[in-house]
Amino acid sequence: MNGLLTSAAVLAAIGVVWHGVGGEIGIVRRLDPATLAPSFFGDGDITKRFLRACWHLLTVVFAATSLGLGWLAQAPAGPGTVAVTRLVAMEFLGFIVVYVAVAAARPALFVRAPQWAFFAAVAALAWIGGG
C-alpha cells in the first residue's frame, strides 16, 4: 500500500465533504435568487441552479480523484500510476492557479479560506506518491 497516495485520497475525500456539504450549506444555499443576475437561460433562480450544478461538479471531481487515488494506492505500481498521479497533481496545481487569480485582489482570503493549502497538499502527495 502506498501511504502517500492513501493520504492524498483521504484528503480528497475530506474535500468531498468540505466542499459538497459545507459549501452547499455555507455558500450555495445562501445565494438569493432575487439578487442574482438573470442569464441567457432564465431568471435568478436559473442562475442559482447553474451555480449549484457547477459547484457540485467540482465536488464530483474530488470524489472521483479520491476513489482513483485510493485505488492506485492499493494497486501494484505500474506505468500508468505515474501518469495518473502526475495528472492529478497538475489538476490540483491548476486549482491553485485559479484560486490565486480569484483571491489575489482580496489577500485576506488566503487566510480566511485556505483552500490553496488543501490543493497544494493533494498535489504534492499525488506527485511524490506516484513515483
C-alpha atoms as a PDB file:
ATOM      1  CA  MET A   1       0.000   0.000   0.000  1.00  0.00           C
ATOM      2  CA  ASN A   2       1.241   3.484  -0.910  1.00  0.00           C
ATOM      3  CA  GLY A   3       0.826   5.699   2.141  1.00  0.00           C
ATOM      4  CA  LEU A   4       1.291   8.969   0.267  1.00  0.00           C
ATOM      5  CA  LEU A   5      -1.411   8.143  -2.269  1.00  0.00           C
ATOM      6  CA  THR A   6      -3.671   6.902   0.526  1.00  0.00           C
ATOM      7  CA  SER A   7      -3.169  10.230   2.300  1.00  0.00           C
ATOM      8  CA  ALA A   8      -3.975  12.131  -0.893  1.00  0.00           C
ATOM      9  CA  ALA A   9      -7.106  10.002  -1.341  1.00  0.00           C
ATOM     10  CA  VAL A  10      -8.215  10.709   2.232  1.00  0.00           C
ATOM     11  CA  LEU A  11      -7.632  14.443   1.788  1.00  0.00           C
ATOM     12  CA  ALA A  12      -9.656  14.406  -1.430  1.00  0.00           C
ATOM     13  CA  ALA A  13     -12.447  12.552   0.415  1.00  0.00           C
ATOM     14  CA  ILE A  14     -12.385  15.231   3.111  1.00  0.00           C
ATOM     15  CA  GLY A  15     -12.664  17.725   0.257  1.00  0.00           C
ATOM     16  CA  VAL A  16     -15.842  15.984  -0.899  1.00  0.00           C
ATOM     17  CA  VAL A  17     -17.484  16.597   2.466  1.00  0.00           C
ATOM     18  CA  TRP A  18     -15.946  20.046   2.962  1.00  0.00           C
ATOM     19  CA  HIS A  19     -16.962  21.260  -0.474  1.00  0.00           C
ATOM     20  CA  GLY A  20     -20.117  19.226  -1.036  1.00  0.00           C
ATOM     21  CA  VAL A  21     -21.776  19.652   2.345  1.00  0.00           C
ATOM     22  CA  GLY A  22     -20.017  22.660   3.849  1.00  0.00           C
ATOM     23  CA  GLY A  23     -20.098  24.660   0.646  1.00  0.00           C
ATOM     24  CA  GLU A  24     -23.708  23.763  -0.066  1.00  0.00           C
ATOM     25  CA  ILE A  25     -24.783  24.906   3.402  1.00  0.00           C
ATOM     26  CA  GLY A  26     -22.401  27.809   3.876  1.00  0.00           C
ATOM     27  CA  ILE A  27     -22.371  29.304   0.399  1.00  0.00           C
ATOM     28  CA  VAL A  28     -24.752  27.909  -2.211  1.00  0.00           C
ATOM     29  CA  ARG A  29     -27.907  27.865  -0.071  1.00  0.00           C
ATOM     30  CA  ARG A  30     -27.233  31.433   0.998  1.00  0.00           C
ATOM     31  CA  LEU A  31     -27.356  32.744  -2.553  1.00  0.00           C
ATOM     32  CA  ASP A  32     -30.561  34.722  -3.013  1.00  0.00           C
ATOM     33  CA  PRO A  33     -32.066  34.122  -6.463  1.00  0.00           C
ATOM     34  CA  ALA A  34     -33.744  37.521  -6.276  1.00  0.00           C
ATOM     35  CA  THR A  35     -30.350  39.240  -6.183  1.00  0.00           C
ATOM     36  CA  LEU A  36     -28.642  37.070  -8.805  1.00  0.00           C
ATOM     37  CA  ALA A  37     -28.429  38.353 -12.343  1.00  0.00           C
ATOM     38  CA  PRO A  38     -30.577  36.566 -14.898  1.00  0.00           C
ATOM     39  CA  SER A  39     -28.773  34.564 -17.527  1.00  0.00           C
ATOM     40  CA  PHE A  40     -29.420  33.709 -21.126  1.00  0.00           C
ATOM     41  CA  PHE A  41     -31.364  30.703 -19.794  1.00  0.00           C
ATOM     42  CA  GLY A  42     -33.673  32.497 -17.377  1.00  0.00           C
ATOM     43  CA  ASP A  43     -34.086  34.404 -14.120  1.00  0.00           C
ATOM     44  CA  GLY A  44     -32.003  34.451 -10.919  1.00  0.00           C
ATOM     45  CA  ASP A  45     -33.408  31.064  -9.879  1.00  0.00           C
ATOM     46  CA  ILE A  46     -31.983  29.513 -13.035  1.00  0.00           C
ATOM     47  CA  THR A  47     -28.673  31.273 -12.348  1.00  0.00           C
ATOM     48  CA  LYS A  48     -28.607  29.770  -8.841  1.00  0.00           C
ATOM     49  CA  ARG A  49     -29.363  26.316 -10.221  1.00  0.00           C
ATOM     50  CA  PHE A  50     -26.443  26.602 -12.664  1.00  0.00           C
ATOM     51  CA  LEU A  51     -24.131  27.858  -9.912  1.00  0.00           C
ATOM     52  CA  ARG A  52     -25.185  24.914  -7.715  1.00  0.00           C
ATOM     53  CA  ALA A  53     -24.544  22.475 -10.571  1.00  0.00           C
ATOM     54  CA  CYS A  54     -21.084  23.954 -11.240  1.00  0.00           C
ATOM     55  CA  TRP A  55     -20.302  23.906  -7.525  1.00  0.00           C
ATOM     56  CA  HIS A  56     -21.098  20.231  -7.252  1.00  0.00           C
ATOM     57  CA  LEU A  57     -19.281  19.313 -10.462  1.00  0.00           C
ATOM     58  CA  LEU A  58     -16.120  20.137  -8.504  1.00  0.00           C
ATOM     59  CA  THR A  59     -17.406  18.000  -5.627  1.00  0.00           C
ATOM     60  CA  VAL A  60     -17.691  15.110  -8.101  1.00  0.00           C
ATOM     61  CA  VAL A  61     -14.120  15.768  -9.268  1.00  0.00           C
ATOM     62  CA  PHE A  62     -12.929  15.489  -5.665  1.00  0.00           C
ATOM     63  CA  ALA A  63     -14.864  12.221  -5.241  1.00  0.00           C
ATOM     64  CA  ALA A  64     -13.500  10.701  -8.450  1.00  0.00           C
ATOM     65  CA  THR A  65      -9.991  11.814  -7.518  1.00  0.00           C
ATOM     66  CA  SER A  66     -10.324  10.273  -4.065  1.00  0.00           C
ATOM     67  CA  LEU A  67     -11.521   6.971  -5.493  1.00  0.00           C
ATOM     68  CA  GLY A  68      -8.831   6.923  -8.177  1.00  0.00           C
ATOM     69  CA  LEU A  69      -6.007   7.728  -5.799  1.00  0.00           C
ATOM     70  CA  GLY A  70      -7.325   5.186  -3.306  1.00  0.00           C
ATOM     71  CA  TRP A  71      -7.359   2.539  -5.994  1.00  0.00           C
ATOM     72  CA  LEU A  72      -3.838   3.415  -7.139  1.00  0.00           C
ATOM     73  CA  ALA A  73      -2.622   3.332  -3.541  1.00  0.00           C
ATOM     74  CA  GLN A  74      -3.762  -0.296  -3.237  1.00  0.00           C
ATOM     75  CA  ALA A  75      -2.698  -1.499  -6.676  1.00  0.00           C
ATOM     76  CA  PRO A  76       0.829  -2.533  -7.612  1.00  0.00           C
ATOM     77  CA  ALA A  77       2.694   0.435  -9.091  1.00  0.00           C
ATOM     78  CA  GLY A  78       2.697   0.352 -12.853  1.00  0.00           C
ATOM     79  CA  PRO A  79       3.469   2.644 -15.765  1.00  0.00           C
ATOM     80  CA  GLY A  80       0.027   4.212 -15.539  1.00  0.00           C
ATOM     81  CA  THR A  81       0.497   5.152 -11.887  1.00  0.00           C
ATOM     82  CA  VAL A  82       2.990   7.893 -12.633  1.00  0.00           C
ATOM     83  CA  ALA A  83       0.889   9.282 -15.473  1.00  0.00           C
ATOM     84  CA  VAL A  84      -2.337   9.376 -13.478  1.00  0.00           C
ATOM     85  CA  THR A  85      -0.784  10.784 -10.324  1.00  0.00           C
ATOM     86  CA  ARG A  86       1.020  13.465 -12.335  1.00  0.00           C
ATOM     87  CA  LEU A  87      -2.275  14.375 -13.972  1.00  0.00           C
ATOM     88  CA  VAL A  88      -3.977  14.639 -10.574  1.00  0.00           C
ATOM     89  CA  ALA A  89      -1.110  16.784  -9.261  1.00  0.00           C
ATOM     90  CA  MET A  90      -1.313  19.104 -12.274  1.00  0.00           C
ATOM     91  CA  GLU A  91      -5.093  19.309 -11.894  1.00  0.00           C
ATOM     92  CA  PHE A  92      -4.750  20.425  -8.276  1.00  0.00           C
ATOM     93  CA  LEU A  93      -1.967  22.840  -9.207  1.00  0.00           C
ATOM     94  CA  GLY A  94      -4.417  24.259 -11.741  1.00  0.00           C
ATOM     95  CA  PHE A  95      -6.924  24.714  -8.929  1.00  0.00           C
ATOM     96  CA  ILE A  96      -4.276  26.749  -7.074  1.00  0.00           C
ATOM     97  CA  VAL A  97      -3.745  28.970 -10.123  1.00  0.00           C
ATOM     98  CA  VAL A  98      -7.483  29.655 -10.364  1.00  0.00           C
ATOM     99  CA  TYR A  99      -7.722  30.261  -6.617  1.00  0.00           C
ATOM    100  CA  VAL A 100      -4.806  32.709  -6.651  1.00  0.00           C
ATOM    101  CA  ALA A 101      -6.272  34.553  -9.650  1.00  0.00           C
ATOM    102  CA  VAL A 102      -9.601  34.932  -7.860  1.00  0.00           C
ATOM    103  CA  ALA A 103      -8.253  35.709  -4.383  1.00  0.00           C
ATOM    104  CA  ALA A 104      -5.309  37.948  -5.293  1.00  0.00           C
ATOM    105  CA  ALA A 105      -7.405  41.111  -5.130  1.00  0.00           C
ATOM    106  CA  ARG A 106      -8.507  40.192  -1.570  1.00  0.00           C
ATOM    107  CA  PRO A 107      -5.389  38.743   0.125  1.00  0.00           C
ATOM    108  CA  ALA A 108      -7.242  38.066   3.396  1.00  0.00           C
ATOM    109  CA  LEU A 109      -8.922  35.176   1.564  1.00  0.00           C
ATOM    110  CA  PHE A 110      -5.649  33.250   1.651  1.00  0.00           C
ATOM    111  CA  VAL A 111      -6.091  33.044   5.438  1.00  0.00           C
ATOM    112  CA  ARG A 112      -9.889  33.054   5.760  1.00  0.00           C
ATOM    113  CA  ALA A 113     -10.419  30.431   3.061  1.00  0.00           C
ATOM    114  CA  PRO A 114      -7.183  28.406   2.765  1.00  0.00           C
ATOM    115  CA  GLN A 115      -8.318  26.013   0.053  1.00  0.00           C
ATOM    116  CA  TRP A 116      -4.976  26.602  -1.636  1.00  0.00           C
ATOM    117  CA  ALA A 117      -3.345  24.575   1.168  1.00  0.00           C
ATOM    118  CA  PHE A 118      -5.703  21.653   0.531  1.00  0.00           C
ATOM    119  CA  PHE A 119      -4.973  21.810  -3.197  1.00  0.00           C
ATOM    120  CA  ALA A 120      -1.228  22.001  -2.566  1.00  0.00           C
ATOM    121  CA  ALA A 121      -1.281  19.041  -0.174  1.00  0.00           C
ATOM    122  CA  VAL A 122      -3.176  16.791  -2.583  1.00  0.00           C
ATOM    123  CA  ALA A 123      -0.932  17.862  -5.477  1.00  0.00           C
ATOM    124  CA  ALA A 124       2.268  17.214  -3.529  1.00  0.00           C
ATOM    125  CA  LEU A 125       1.142  13.859  -2.125  1.00  0.00           C
ATOM    126  CA  ALA A 126      -0.028  12.683  -5.560  1.00  0.00           C
ATOM    127  CA  TRP A 127       3.179  13.826  -7.276  1.00  0.00           C
ATOM    128  CA  ILE A 128       5.550  12.349  -4.710  1.00  0.00           C
ATOM    129  CA  GLY A 129       3.459   9.251  -4.065  1.00  0.00           C
ATOM    130  CA  GLY A 130       3.171   8.483  -7.754  1.00  0.00           C
ATOM    131  CA  GLY A 131       6.882   7.971  -8.084  1.00  0.00           C
END
